[in-house]
């Protein structure tokens, strides 16, 4: 089983590209639990919600892993919970770092905020490119610091789709999925 994670700032194409990947290659797609939580609760999150949201994301991921597909596609994972918790509340439960580091991920596709328009949907809160760039930079720093396989994806929507499909094909073919430079 290859485990692929899409990560990066809001409105950079994670959910859309996850669907594109699944449509092209099959596999199991795991969505973003926090979106489910916010739609169900009909309120903004607070710091006390972070453990519930993180456990929900892990439970969804574990359900996907239990199916043992050739390709497990994660629309997001605990890195998003960690970074949002720190950005919104200035703190993060320590166990989230331990939980994410205890799991194996074959590749992270980190999406740049530039090149695509931000789209408000009632749940997103970072319309300014500068805010999304900070989230991208924090994501890249965490992934590199923790020696995770990462491929940065940029460009417009069609360029992102083509790059992602090429990288995932390499991953599934057993080749190094990362490009020597950014794709």
N, C-alpha and C. Protein backbone atom coordinates (compact mmCIF):
# COMPACT_ATOMS: atom_id res chain seq x y z
N UNK A 1 0.84 -1.18 0.00
CA UNK A 1 0.00 0.00 0.00
C UNK A 1 0.89 1.24 0.00
N UNK A 2 0.59 2.17 -0.88
CA UNK A 2 1.26 3.47 -0.92
C UNK A 2 0.32 4.48 -0.27
N UNK A 3 0.86 5.27 0.65
CA UNK A 3 0.07 6.27 1.35
C UNK A 3 0.53 7.66 0.88
N UNK A 4 -0.40 8.36 0.27
CA UNK A 4 -0.16 9.67 -0.32
C UNK A 4 -0.95 10.71 0.44
N UNK A 5 -0.29 11.82 0.81
CA UNK A 5 -0.95 12.90 1.55
C UNK A 5 -0.88 14.17 0.73
N UNK A 6 -2.01 14.85 0.61
CA UNK A 6 -2.03 16.18 0.03
C UNK A 6 -2.07 17.17 1.18
N UNK A 7 -1.19 18.13 1.16
CA UNK A 7 -1.12 19.09 2.25
C UNK A 7 -0.82 20.48 1.71
N UNK A 8 -1.02 21.45 2.57
CA UNK A 8 -0.79 22.83 2.20
C UNK A 8 -1.92 23.72 2.62
N UNK A 9 -1.85 24.98 2.23
CA UNK A 9 -2.85 25.95 2.67
C UNK A 9 -4.22 25.71 2.07
N UNK A 10 -5.21 26.34 2.68
CA UNK A 10 -6.57 26.21 2.18
C UNK A 10 -6.67 26.79 0.78
N UNK A 11 -7.60 26.24 0.02
CA UNK A 11 -7.92 26.71 -1.33
C UNK A 11 -6.76 26.52 -2.32
N UNK A 12 -5.90 25.54 -2.06
CA UNK A 12 -4.79 25.27 -2.98
C UNK A 12 -5.04 24.02 -3.83
N UNK A 13 -6.19 23.35 -3.61
CA UNK A 13 -6.56 22.25 -4.48
C UNK A 13 -6.47 20.86 -3.89
N UNK A 14 -6.30 20.74 -2.60
CA UNK A 14 -6.13 19.41 -1.99
C UNK A 14 -7.31 18.48 -2.28
N UNK A 15 -8.51 18.94 -1.99
CA UNK A 15 -9.69 18.08 -2.19
C UNK A 15 -9.92 17.79 -3.66
N UNK A 16 -9.79 18.79 -4.49
CA UNK A 16 -10.00 18.61 -5.93
C UNK A 16 -8.97 17.62 -6.50
N UNK A 17 -7.70 17.83 -6.16
CA UNK A 17 -6.66 16.94 -6.67
C UNK A 17 -6.79 15.53 -6.11
N UNK A 18 -7.22 15.40 -4.86
CA UNK A 18 -7.46 14.07 -4.29
C UNK A 18 -8.48 13.32 -5.14
N UNK A 19 -9.54 14.02 -5.52
CA UNK A 19 -10.56 13.41 -6.37
C UNK A 19 -10.02 13.05 -7.75
N UNK A 20 -9.17 13.91 -8.29
CA UNK A 20 -8.55 13.65 -9.60
C UNK A 20 -7.68 12.39 -9.53
N UNK A 21 -6.91 12.29 -8.46
CA UNK A 21 -6.04 11.13 -8.28
C UNK A 21 -6.87 9.86 -8.18
N UNK A 22 -7.91 9.89 -7.36
CA UNK A 22 -8.75 8.70 -7.21
C UNK A 22 -9.43 8.33 -8.52
N UNK A 23 -9.93 9.32 -9.25
CA UNK A 23 -10.59 9.04 -10.53
C UNK A 23 -9.63 8.41 -11.52
N UNK A 24 -8.36 8.81 -11.48
CA UNK A 24 -7.38 8.31 -12.44
C UNK A 24 -6.78 6.96 -12.03
N UNK A 25 -6.48 6.81 -10.73
CA UNK A 25 -5.75 5.62 -10.28
C UNK A 25 -6.57 4.67 -9.41
N UNK A 26 -7.73 5.09 -8.98
CA UNK A 26 -8.49 4.29 -8.02
C UNK A 26 -7.93 4.51 -6.64
N UNK A 27 -8.14 3.55 -5.77
CA UNK A 27 -7.66 3.68 -4.40
C UNK A 27 -8.75 4.17 -3.47
N UNK A 28 -8.37 4.35 -2.24
CA UNK A 28 -9.30 4.82 -1.21
C UNK A 28 -8.94 6.26 -0.87
N UNK A 29 -9.95 7.12 -0.85
CA UNK A 29 -9.78 8.53 -0.55
C UNK A 29 -10.34 8.83 0.83
N UNK A 30 -9.52 9.44 1.68
CA UNK A 30 -9.93 9.84 3.02
C UNK A 30 -10.04 11.36 3.05
N UNK A 31 -11.21 11.85 3.41
CA UNK A 31 -11.47 13.28 3.43
C UNK A 31 -10.92 13.98 4.66
N UNK A 32 -11.31 15.23 4.77
CA UNK A 32 -10.85 16.12 5.84
C UNK A 32 -11.87 16.13 6.97
N UNK A 33 -11.51 15.57 8.10
CA UNK A 33 -12.45 15.43 9.22
C UNK A 33 -12.90 16.77 9.77
N UNK A 34 -12.02 17.77 9.84
CA UNK A 34 -12.40 19.04 10.44
C UNK A 34 -13.57 19.68 9.70
N UNK A 35 -13.62 19.52 8.40
CA UNK A 35 -14.73 20.06 7.61
C UNK A 35 -16.04 19.38 8.05
N UNK A 36 -16.00 18.06 8.18
CA UNK A 36 -17.16 17.31 8.67
C UNK A 36 -17.57 17.81 10.06
N UNK A 37 -16.60 17.99 10.93
CA UNK A 37 -16.85 18.44 12.30
C UNK A 37 -17.52 19.81 12.31
N UNK A 38 -16.97 20.75 11.53
CA UNK A 38 -17.52 22.11 11.52
C UNK A 38 -18.92 22.16 10.92
N UNK A 39 -19.15 21.38 9.90
CA UNK A 39 -20.49 21.34 9.31
C UNK A 39 -21.50 20.71 10.27
N UNK A 40 -21.07 19.70 11.01
CA UNK A 40 -21.94 19.05 11.98
C UNK A 40 -22.23 19.94 13.17
N UNK A 41 -21.20 20.60 13.70
CA UNK A 41 -21.34 21.42 14.91
C UNK A 41 -21.93 22.80 14.63
N UNK A 42 -21.81 23.27 13.39
CA UNK A 42 -22.33 24.60 13.01
C UNK A 42 -21.78 25.73 13.88
N UNK A 43 -20.46 25.68 14.11
CA UNK A 43 -19.79 26.73 14.89
C UNK A 43 -18.31 26.69 14.56
N UNK A 44 -17.62 27.76 14.94
CA UNK A 44 -16.18 27.77 14.81
C UNK A 44 -15.58 26.80 15.83
N UNK A 45 -14.39 26.34 15.55
CA UNK A 45 -13.72 25.44 16.49
C UNK A 45 -13.06 26.25 17.61
N UNK A 46 -12.78 25.57 18.71
CA UNK A 46 -12.02 26.15 19.81
C UNK A 46 -10.90 25.17 20.15
N UNK A 47 -9.98 25.61 21.00
CA UNK A 47 -8.84 24.77 21.32
C UNK A 47 -9.27 23.41 21.90
N UNK A 48 -10.33 23.39 22.67
CA UNK A 48 -10.80 22.13 23.26
C UNK A 48 -11.26 21.12 22.21
N UNK A 49 -11.55 21.59 20.99
CA UNK A 49 -11.98 20.70 19.91
C UNK A 49 -10.82 19.99 19.22
N UNK A 50 -9.62 20.50 19.36
CA UNK A 50 -8.48 19.96 18.61
C UNK A 50 -8.28 18.46 18.83
N UNK A 51 -8.29 17.94 20.05
CA UNK A 51 -8.13 16.49 20.22
C UNK A 51 -9.25 15.69 19.54
N UNK A 52 -10.48 16.16 19.62
CA UNK A 52 -11.60 15.47 18.98
C UNK A 52 -11.42 15.44 17.47
N UNK A 53 -11.03 16.57 16.91
CA UNK A 53 -10.83 16.66 15.46
C UNK A 53 -9.67 15.75 15.03
N UNK A 54 -8.58 15.80 15.77
CA UNK A 54 -7.41 14.97 15.44
C UNK A 54 -7.75 13.48 15.53
N UNK A 55 -8.45 13.09 16.59
CA UNK A 55 -8.84 11.67 16.72
C UNK A 55 -9.78 11.26 15.59
N UNK A 56 -10.67 12.16 15.20
CA UNK A 56 -11.56 11.86 14.07
C UNK A 56 -10.78 11.66 12.78
N UNK A 57 -9.79 12.53 12.53
CA UNK A 57 -8.96 12.39 11.33
C UNK A 57 -8.20 11.07 11.36
N UNK A 58 -7.63 10.73 12.51
CA UNK A 58 -6.90 9.47 12.63
C UNK A 58 -7.82 8.27 12.44
N UNK A 59 -9.02 8.34 12.97
CA UNK A 59 -9.97 7.23 12.81
C UNK A 59 -10.33 7.04 11.34
N UNK A 60 -10.57 8.13 10.64
CA UNK A 60 -10.86 8.02 9.20
C UNK A 60 -9.66 7.43 8.46
N UNK A 61 -8.45 7.91 8.80
CA UNK A 61 -7.24 7.38 8.16
C UNK A 61 -7.09 5.89 8.46
N UNK A 62 -7.32 5.48 9.70
CA UNK A 62 -7.20 4.08 10.06
C UNK A 62 -8.22 3.22 9.32
N UNK A 63 -9.41 3.72 9.11
CA UNK A 63 -10.42 2.99 8.33
C UNK A 63 -9.93 2.78 6.90
N UNK A 64 -9.31 3.80 6.33
CA UNK A 64 -8.74 3.67 4.99
C UNK A 64 -7.59 2.68 4.95
N UNK A 65 -6.71 2.76 5.93
CA UNK A 65 -5.58 1.83 5.99
C UNK A 65 -6.06 0.39 6.15
N UNK A 66 -7.11 0.19 6.91
CA UNK A 66 -7.63 -1.17 7.16
C UNK A 66 -8.11 -1.83 5.87
N UNK A 67 -8.49 -1.05 4.89
CA UNK A 67 -8.93 -1.61 3.61
C UNK A 67 -7.76 -2.09 2.75
N UNK A 68 -6.54 -1.70 3.12
CA UNK A 68 -5.30 -2.10 2.44
C UNK A 68 -5.36 -1.90 0.92
N UNK A 69 -5.73 -0.70 0.47
CA UNK A 69 -5.75 -0.48 -0.97
C UNK A 69 -4.32 -0.34 -1.51
N UNK A 70 -4.19 -0.46 -2.81
CA UNK A 70 -2.88 -0.21 -3.41
C UNK A 70 -2.47 1.24 -3.17
N UNK A 71 -3.45 2.15 -3.20
CA UNK A 71 -3.19 3.57 -3.01
C UNK A 71 -4.19 4.14 -2.00
N UNK A 72 -3.66 4.71 -0.92
CA UNK A 72 -4.47 5.42 0.05
C UNK A 72 -4.18 6.90 -0.12
N UNK A 73 -5.22 7.67 -0.42
CA UNK A 73 -5.10 9.10 -0.70
C UNK A 73 -5.68 9.86 0.48
N UNK A 74 -4.85 10.64 1.15
CA UNK A 74 -5.31 11.43 2.28
C UNK A 74 -5.41 12.89 1.86
N UNK A 75 -6.65 13.41 1.88
CA UNK A 75 -6.90 14.81 1.54
C UNK A 75 -6.14 15.73 2.49
N UNK A 76 -5.86 15.26 3.68
CA UNK A 76 -5.06 15.98 4.67
C UNK A 76 -4.67 14.97 5.75
N UNK A 77 -3.87 15.41 6.70
CA UNK A 77 -3.57 14.57 7.87
C UNK A 77 -3.25 15.46 9.06
N UNK A 78 -2.67 14.91 10.11
CA UNK A 78 -2.51 15.67 11.35
C UNK A 78 -1.63 16.91 11.22
N UNK A 79 -0.81 17.01 10.20
CA UNK A 79 0.00 18.22 10.04
C UNK A 79 -0.90 19.45 9.96
N UNK A 80 -1.98 19.34 9.24
CA UNK A 80 -2.93 20.46 9.15
C UNK A 80 -3.49 20.80 10.53
N UNK A 81 -3.86 19.78 11.30
CA UNK A 81 -4.38 20.01 12.66
C UNK A 81 -3.33 20.71 13.53
N UNK A 82 -2.10 20.27 13.43
CA UNK A 82 -1.02 20.85 14.22
C UNK A 82 -0.83 22.32 13.88
N UNK A 83 -0.72 22.62 12.59
CA UNK A 83 -0.44 23.99 12.17
C UNK A 83 -1.62 24.93 12.44
N UNK A 84 -2.84 24.45 12.18
CA UNK A 84 -4.01 25.29 12.46
C UNK A 84 -4.16 25.52 13.95
N UNK A 85 -3.92 24.52 14.77
CA UNK A 85 -4.01 24.69 16.22
C UNK A 85 -3.03 25.78 16.68
N UNK A 86 -1.82 25.73 16.18
CA UNK A 86 -0.82 26.73 16.57
C UNK A 86 -1.18 28.12 16.03
N UNK A 87 -1.67 28.18 14.80
CA UNK A 87 -2.02 29.46 14.20
C UNK A 87 -3.21 30.11 14.88
N UNK A 88 -4.23 29.32 15.18
CA UNK A 88 -5.46 29.87 15.76
C UNK A 88 -5.40 30.06 17.26
N UNK A 89 -4.71 29.15 17.95
CA UNK A 89 -4.77 29.14 19.41
C UNK A 89 -3.41 29.30 20.09
N UNK A 90 -2.33 29.33 19.31
CA UNK A 90 -1.00 29.51 19.88
C UNK A 90 -0.47 28.31 20.62
N UNK A 91 -1.12 27.16 20.44
CA UNK A 91 -0.71 25.95 21.16
C UNK A 91 -1.23 24.73 20.39
N UNK A 92 -0.71 23.58 20.75
CA UNK A 92 -1.13 22.33 20.12
C UNK A 92 -0.89 21.19 21.10
N UNK A 93 -1.86 20.28 21.24
CA UNK A 93 -1.61 19.12 22.11
C UNK A 93 -0.37 18.36 21.65
N UNK A 94 0.52 18.06 22.57
CA UNK A 94 1.80 17.42 22.25
C UNK A 94 1.64 16.08 21.54
N UNK A 95 0.60 15.34 21.87
CA UNK A 95 0.46 13.99 21.33
C UNK A 95 0.24 13.98 19.82
N UNK A 96 -0.18 15.12 19.22
CA UNK A 96 -0.38 15.15 17.78
C UNK A 96 0.93 14.93 17.03
N UNK A 97 2.00 15.59 17.50
CA UNK A 97 3.32 15.40 16.88
C UNK A 97 3.75 13.94 16.96
N UNK A 98 3.57 13.33 18.13
CA UNK A 98 3.95 11.93 18.30
C UNK A 98 3.11 11.02 17.41
N UNK A 99 1.83 11.31 17.30
CA UNK A 99 0.94 10.47 16.49
C UNK A 99 1.29 10.52 15.01
N UNK A 100 1.58 11.70 14.50
CA UNK A 100 1.90 11.80 13.07
C UNK A 100 3.26 11.16 12.77
N UNK A 101 4.20 11.30 13.69
CA UNK A 101 5.52 10.74 13.46
C UNK A 101 5.54 9.22 13.61
N UNK A 102 4.54 8.66 14.25
CA UNK A 102 4.46 7.21 14.43
C UNK A 102 3.89 6.50 13.21
N UNK A 103 3.43 7.26 12.22
CA UNK A 103 2.80 6.68 11.03
C UNK A 103 3.71 6.83 9.82
N UNK A 104 3.55 5.92 8.89
CA UNK A 104 4.33 5.98 7.65
C UNK A 104 3.51 6.60 6.53
N UNK A 105 4.12 7.55 5.85
CA UNK A 105 3.52 8.18 4.67
C UNK A 105 4.56 8.11 3.56
N UNK A 106 4.17 7.59 2.41
CA UNK A 106 5.14 7.44 1.32
C UNK A 106 5.50 8.76 0.67
N UNK A 107 4.51 9.66 0.54
CA UNK A 107 4.77 10.92 -0.14
C UNK A 107 3.76 11.97 0.28
N UNK A 108 4.26 13.17 0.47
CA UNK A 108 3.42 14.35 0.72
C UNK A 108 3.48 15.24 -0.52
N UNK A 109 2.33 15.56 -1.06
CA UNK A 109 2.25 16.55 -2.13
C UNK A 109 1.89 17.87 -1.46
N UNK A 110 2.82 18.79 -1.44
CA UNK A 110 2.63 20.08 -0.78
C UNK A 110 2.28 21.11 -1.84
N UNK A 111 1.09 21.68 -1.73
CA UNK A 111 0.56 22.59 -2.74
C UNK A 111 0.85 24.04 -2.40
N UNK A 112 1.48 24.73 -3.35
CA UNK A 112 1.77 26.16 -3.19
C UNK A 112 0.46 26.97 -3.30
N UNK A 113 0.39 28.08 -2.58
CA UNK A 113 -0.82 28.90 -2.67
C UNK A 113 -0.87 29.77 -3.93
N UNK A 114 0.28 30.08 -4.52
CA UNK A 114 0.30 30.93 -5.71
C UNK A 114 -0.21 30.17 -6.93
N UNK A 115 -0.77 30.90 -7.86
CA UNK A 115 -1.17 30.31 -9.13
C UNK A 115 -2.63 29.92 -9.22
N UNK A 116 -3.32 29.88 -8.10
CA UNK A 116 -4.75 29.57 -8.09
C UNK A 116 -5.45 30.57 -7.16
N UNK A 117 -6.68 30.87 -7.48
CA UNK A 117 -7.45 31.83 -6.70
C UNK A 117 -7.98 31.21 -5.42
N UNK A 118 -8.01 32.01 -4.35
CA UNK A 118 -8.65 31.61 -3.12
C UNK A 118 -10.16 31.67 -3.34
N UNK A 119 -10.86 30.66 -2.85
CA UNK A 119 -12.31 30.60 -2.97
C UNK A 119 -12.90 30.45 -1.57
N UNK A 120 -13.69 31.42 -1.16
CA UNK A 120 -14.36 31.34 0.13
C UNK A 120 -15.49 30.33 0.07
N UNK A 121 -15.66 29.58 1.16
CA UNK A 121 -16.73 28.57 1.19
C UNK A 121 -17.48 28.58 2.51
N UNK A 122 -17.26 29.61 3.30
CA UNK A 122 -17.92 29.69 4.60
C UNK A 122 -17.11 29.07 5.72
N UNK A 123 -16.14 28.24 5.39
CA UNK A 123 -15.29 27.62 6.41
C UNK A 123 -13.85 28.12 6.33
N UNK A 124 -13.43 28.57 5.18
CA UNK A 124 -12.05 29.04 5.00
C UNK A 124 -11.90 30.44 5.59
N UNK A 125 -10.67 30.73 6.07
CA UNK A 125 -10.48 32.00 6.77
C UNK A 125 -9.19 32.73 6.41
N UNK A 126 -8.51 32.31 5.33
CA UNK A 126 -7.26 32.97 4.96
C UNK A 126 -7.30 33.48 3.51
N UNK A 127 -8.07 34.55 3.26
CA UNK A 127 -8.17 35.05 1.89
C UNK A 127 -6.89 35.71 1.38
N UNK A 128 -6.04 36.18 2.29
CA UNK A 128 -4.81 36.87 1.86
C UNK A 128 -3.72 35.86 1.51
N UNK A 129 -3.10 36.06 0.36
CA UNK A 129 -2.03 35.18 -0.09
C UNK A 129 -0.91 35.09 0.94
N UNK A 130 -0.60 36.18 1.60
CA UNK A 130 0.48 36.19 2.59
C UNK A 130 0.20 35.20 3.72
N UNK A 131 -1.05 35.11 4.14
CA UNK A 131 -1.42 34.18 5.21
C UNK A 131 -1.25 32.73 4.74
N UNK A 132 -1.68 32.47 3.53
CA UNK A 132 -1.56 31.11 2.98
C UNK A 132 -0.10 30.76 2.74
N UNK A 133 0.72 31.75 2.39
CA UNK A 133 2.15 31.49 2.18
C UNK A 133 2.83 31.10 3.49
N UNK A 134 2.46 31.72 4.59
CA UNK A 134 3.00 31.35 5.90
C UNK A 134 2.64 29.90 6.21
N UNK A 135 1.39 29.50 5.93
CA UNK A 135 0.98 28.12 6.19
C UNK A 135 1.80 27.16 5.32
N UNK A 136 2.01 27.51 4.06
CA UNK A 136 2.84 26.70 3.16
C UNK A 136 4.26 26.57 3.72
N UNK A 137 4.85 27.71 4.10
CA UNK A 137 6.23 27.70 4.62
C UNK A 137 6.34 26.86 5.88
N UNK A 138 5.35 26.99 6.78
CA UNK A 138 5.36 26.18 8.00
C UNK A 138 5.22 24.69 7.68
N UNK A 139 4.40 24.37 6.70
CA UNK A 139 4.23 22.97 6.28
C UNK A 139 5.55 22.41 5.74
N UNK A 140 6.18 23.15 4.85
CA UNK A 140 7.44 22.71 4.25
C UNK A 140 8.51 22.55 5.32
N UNK A 141 8.59 23.50 6.24
CA UNK A 141 9.60 23.42 7.30
C UNK A 141 9.37 22.17 8.16
N UNK A 142 8.12 21.88 8.52
CA UNK A 142 7.84 20.70 9.34
C UNK A 142 8.20 19.42 8.58
N UNK A 143 7.79 19.34 7.33
CA UNK A 143 8.06 18.14 6.53
C UNK A 143 9.56 17.91 6.37
N UNK A 144 10.31 18.96 6.10
CA UNK A 144 11.76 18.82 5.95
C UNK A 144 12.43 18.49 7.28
N UNK A 145 12.02 19.15 8.35
CA UNK A 145 12.59 18.90 9.67
C UNK A 145 12.37 17.45 10.10
N UNK A 146 11.24 16.89 9.72
CA UNK A 146 10.90 15.52 10.10
C UNK A 146 11.23 14.51 9.00
N UNK A 147 12.01 14.92 8.03
CA UNK A 147 12.54 14.07 6.96
C UNK A 147 11.44 13.26 6.25
N UNK A 148 10.38 13.97 5.90
CA UNK A 148 9.28 13.35 5.16
C UNK A 148 9.51 13.52 3.66
N UNK A 149 9.12 12.54 2.88
CA UNK A 149 9.19 12.67 1.43
C UNK A 149 8.15 13.69 1.00
N UNK A 150 8.61 14.72 0.30
CA UNK A 150 7.71 15.80 -0.11
C UNK A 150 8.00 16.22 -1.54
N UNK A 151 6.94 16.50 -2.25
CA UNK A 151 7.05 17.06 -3.59
C UNK A 151 6.17 18.31 -3.62
N UNK A 152 6.79 19.45 -3.91
CA UNK A 152 6.05 20.70 -4.00
C UNK A 152 5.36 20.77 -5.36
N UNK A 153 4.08 21.16 -5.34
CA UNK A 153 3.28 21.27 -6.55
C UNK A 153 2.83 22.71 -6.70
N UNK A 154 3.00 23.25 -7.90
CA UNK A 154 2.58 24.62 -8.16
C UNK A 154 1.93 24.72 -9.54
N UNK A 155 1.65 25.93 -9.97
CA UNK A 155 1.06 26.17 -11.27
C UNK A 155 -0.44 26.41 -11.18
N UNK A 156 -1.04 26.55 -12.36
CA UNK A 156 -2.49 26.72 -12.41
C UNK A 156 -3.16 25.35 -12.24
N UNK A 157 -4.47 25.32 -12.32
CA UNK A 157 -5.20 24.07 -12.06
C UNK A 157 -4.78 22.95 -13.00
N UNK A 158 -4.67 23.22 -14.28
CA UNK A 158 -4.30 22.15 -15.22
C UNK A 158 -2.86 21.70 -15.01
N UNK A 159 -1.97 22.63 -14.71
CA UNK A 159 -0.57 22.27 -14.44
C UNK A 159 -0.47 21.42 -13.18
N UNK A 160 -1.21 21.79 -12.16
CA UNK A 160 -1.20 21.01 -10.91
C UNK A 160 -1.67 19.58 -11.17
N UNK A 161 -2.76 19.47 -11.90
CA UNK A 161 -3.32 18.14 -12.18
C UNK A 161 -2.30 17.28 -12.93
N UNK A 162 -1.70 17.83 -13.98
CA UNK A 162 -0.73 17.07 -14.77
C UNK A 162 0.48 16.66 -13.92
N UNK A 163 0.99 17.58 -13.12
CA UNK A 163 2.15 17.29 -12.28
C UNK A 163 1.82 16.20 -11.26
N UNK A 164 0.68 16.34 -10.61
CA UNK A 164 0.29 15.38 -9.58
C UNK A 164 0.11 13.99 -10.18
N UNK A 165 -0.57 13.90 -11.31
CA UNK A 165 -0.78 12.58 -11.92
C UNK A 165 0.54 11.95 -12.32
N UNK A 166 1.48 12.74 -12.80
CA UNK A 166 2.80 12.23 -13.16
C UNK A 166 3.55 11.72 -11.92
N UNK A 167 3.53 12.50 -10.84
CA UNK A 167 4.23 12.12 -9.61
C UNK A 167 3.61 10.85 -9.02
N UNK A 168 2.29 10.76 -8.99
CA UNK A 168 1.63 9.58 -8.43
C UNK A 168 1.93 8.35 -9.29
N UNK A 169 1.98 8.50 -10.59
CA UNK A 169 2.32 7.37 -11.46
C UNK A 169 3.71 6.85 -11.13
N UNK A 170 4.65 7.76 -10.92
CA UNK A 170 6.02 7.37 -10.55
C UNK A 170 6.01 6.62 -9.21
N UNK A 171 5.24 7.12 -8.26
CA UNK A 171 5.13 6.47 -6.95
C UNK A 171 4.61 5.04 -7.11
N UNK A 172 3.55 4.88 -7.88
CA UNK A 172 2.96 3.56 -8.07
C UNK A 172 3.85 2.62 -8.88
N UNK A 173 4.69 3.20 -9.74
CA UNK A 173 5.62 2.40 -10.54
C UNK A 173 6.87 1.99 -9.75
N UNK A 174 6.95 2.45 -8.51
CA UNK A 174 8.10 2.11 -7.67
C UNK A 174 9.32 2.96 -7.94
N UNK A 175 9.15 4.04 -8.71
CA UNK A 175 10.26 4.97 -8.98
C UNK A 175 10.22 6.08 -7.96
N UNK A 176 11.30 6.81 -7.86
CA UNK A 176 11.30 7.95 -6.96
C UNK A 176 10.24 8.94 -7.43
N UNK A 177 9.25 9.21 -6.60
CA UNK A 177 8.18 10.10 -7.03
C UNK A 177 8.57 11.57 -7.03
N UNK A 178 9.65 11.90 -6.34
CA UNK A 178 10.01 13.32 -6.24
C UNK A 178 10.89 13.72 -7.40
N UNK A 179 10.66 14.91 -7.87
CA UNK A 179 11.46 15.47 -8.95
C UNK A 179 12.73 16.06 -8.35
N UNK A 180 13.81 16.11 -9.09
CA UNK A 180 15.05 16.69 -8.56
C UNK A 180 14.84 18.15 -8.15
N UNK A 181 13.99 18.85 -8.86
CA UNK A 181 13.60 20.22 -8.49
C UNK A 181 12.09 20.22 -8.41
N UNK A 182 11.52 21.35 -8.06
CA UNK A 182 10.06 21.41 -7.96
C UNK A 182 9.43 21.05 -9.28
N UNK A 183 8.35 20.33 -9.23
CA UNK A 183 7.61 19.99 -10.45
C UNK A 183 6.83 21.20 -10.91
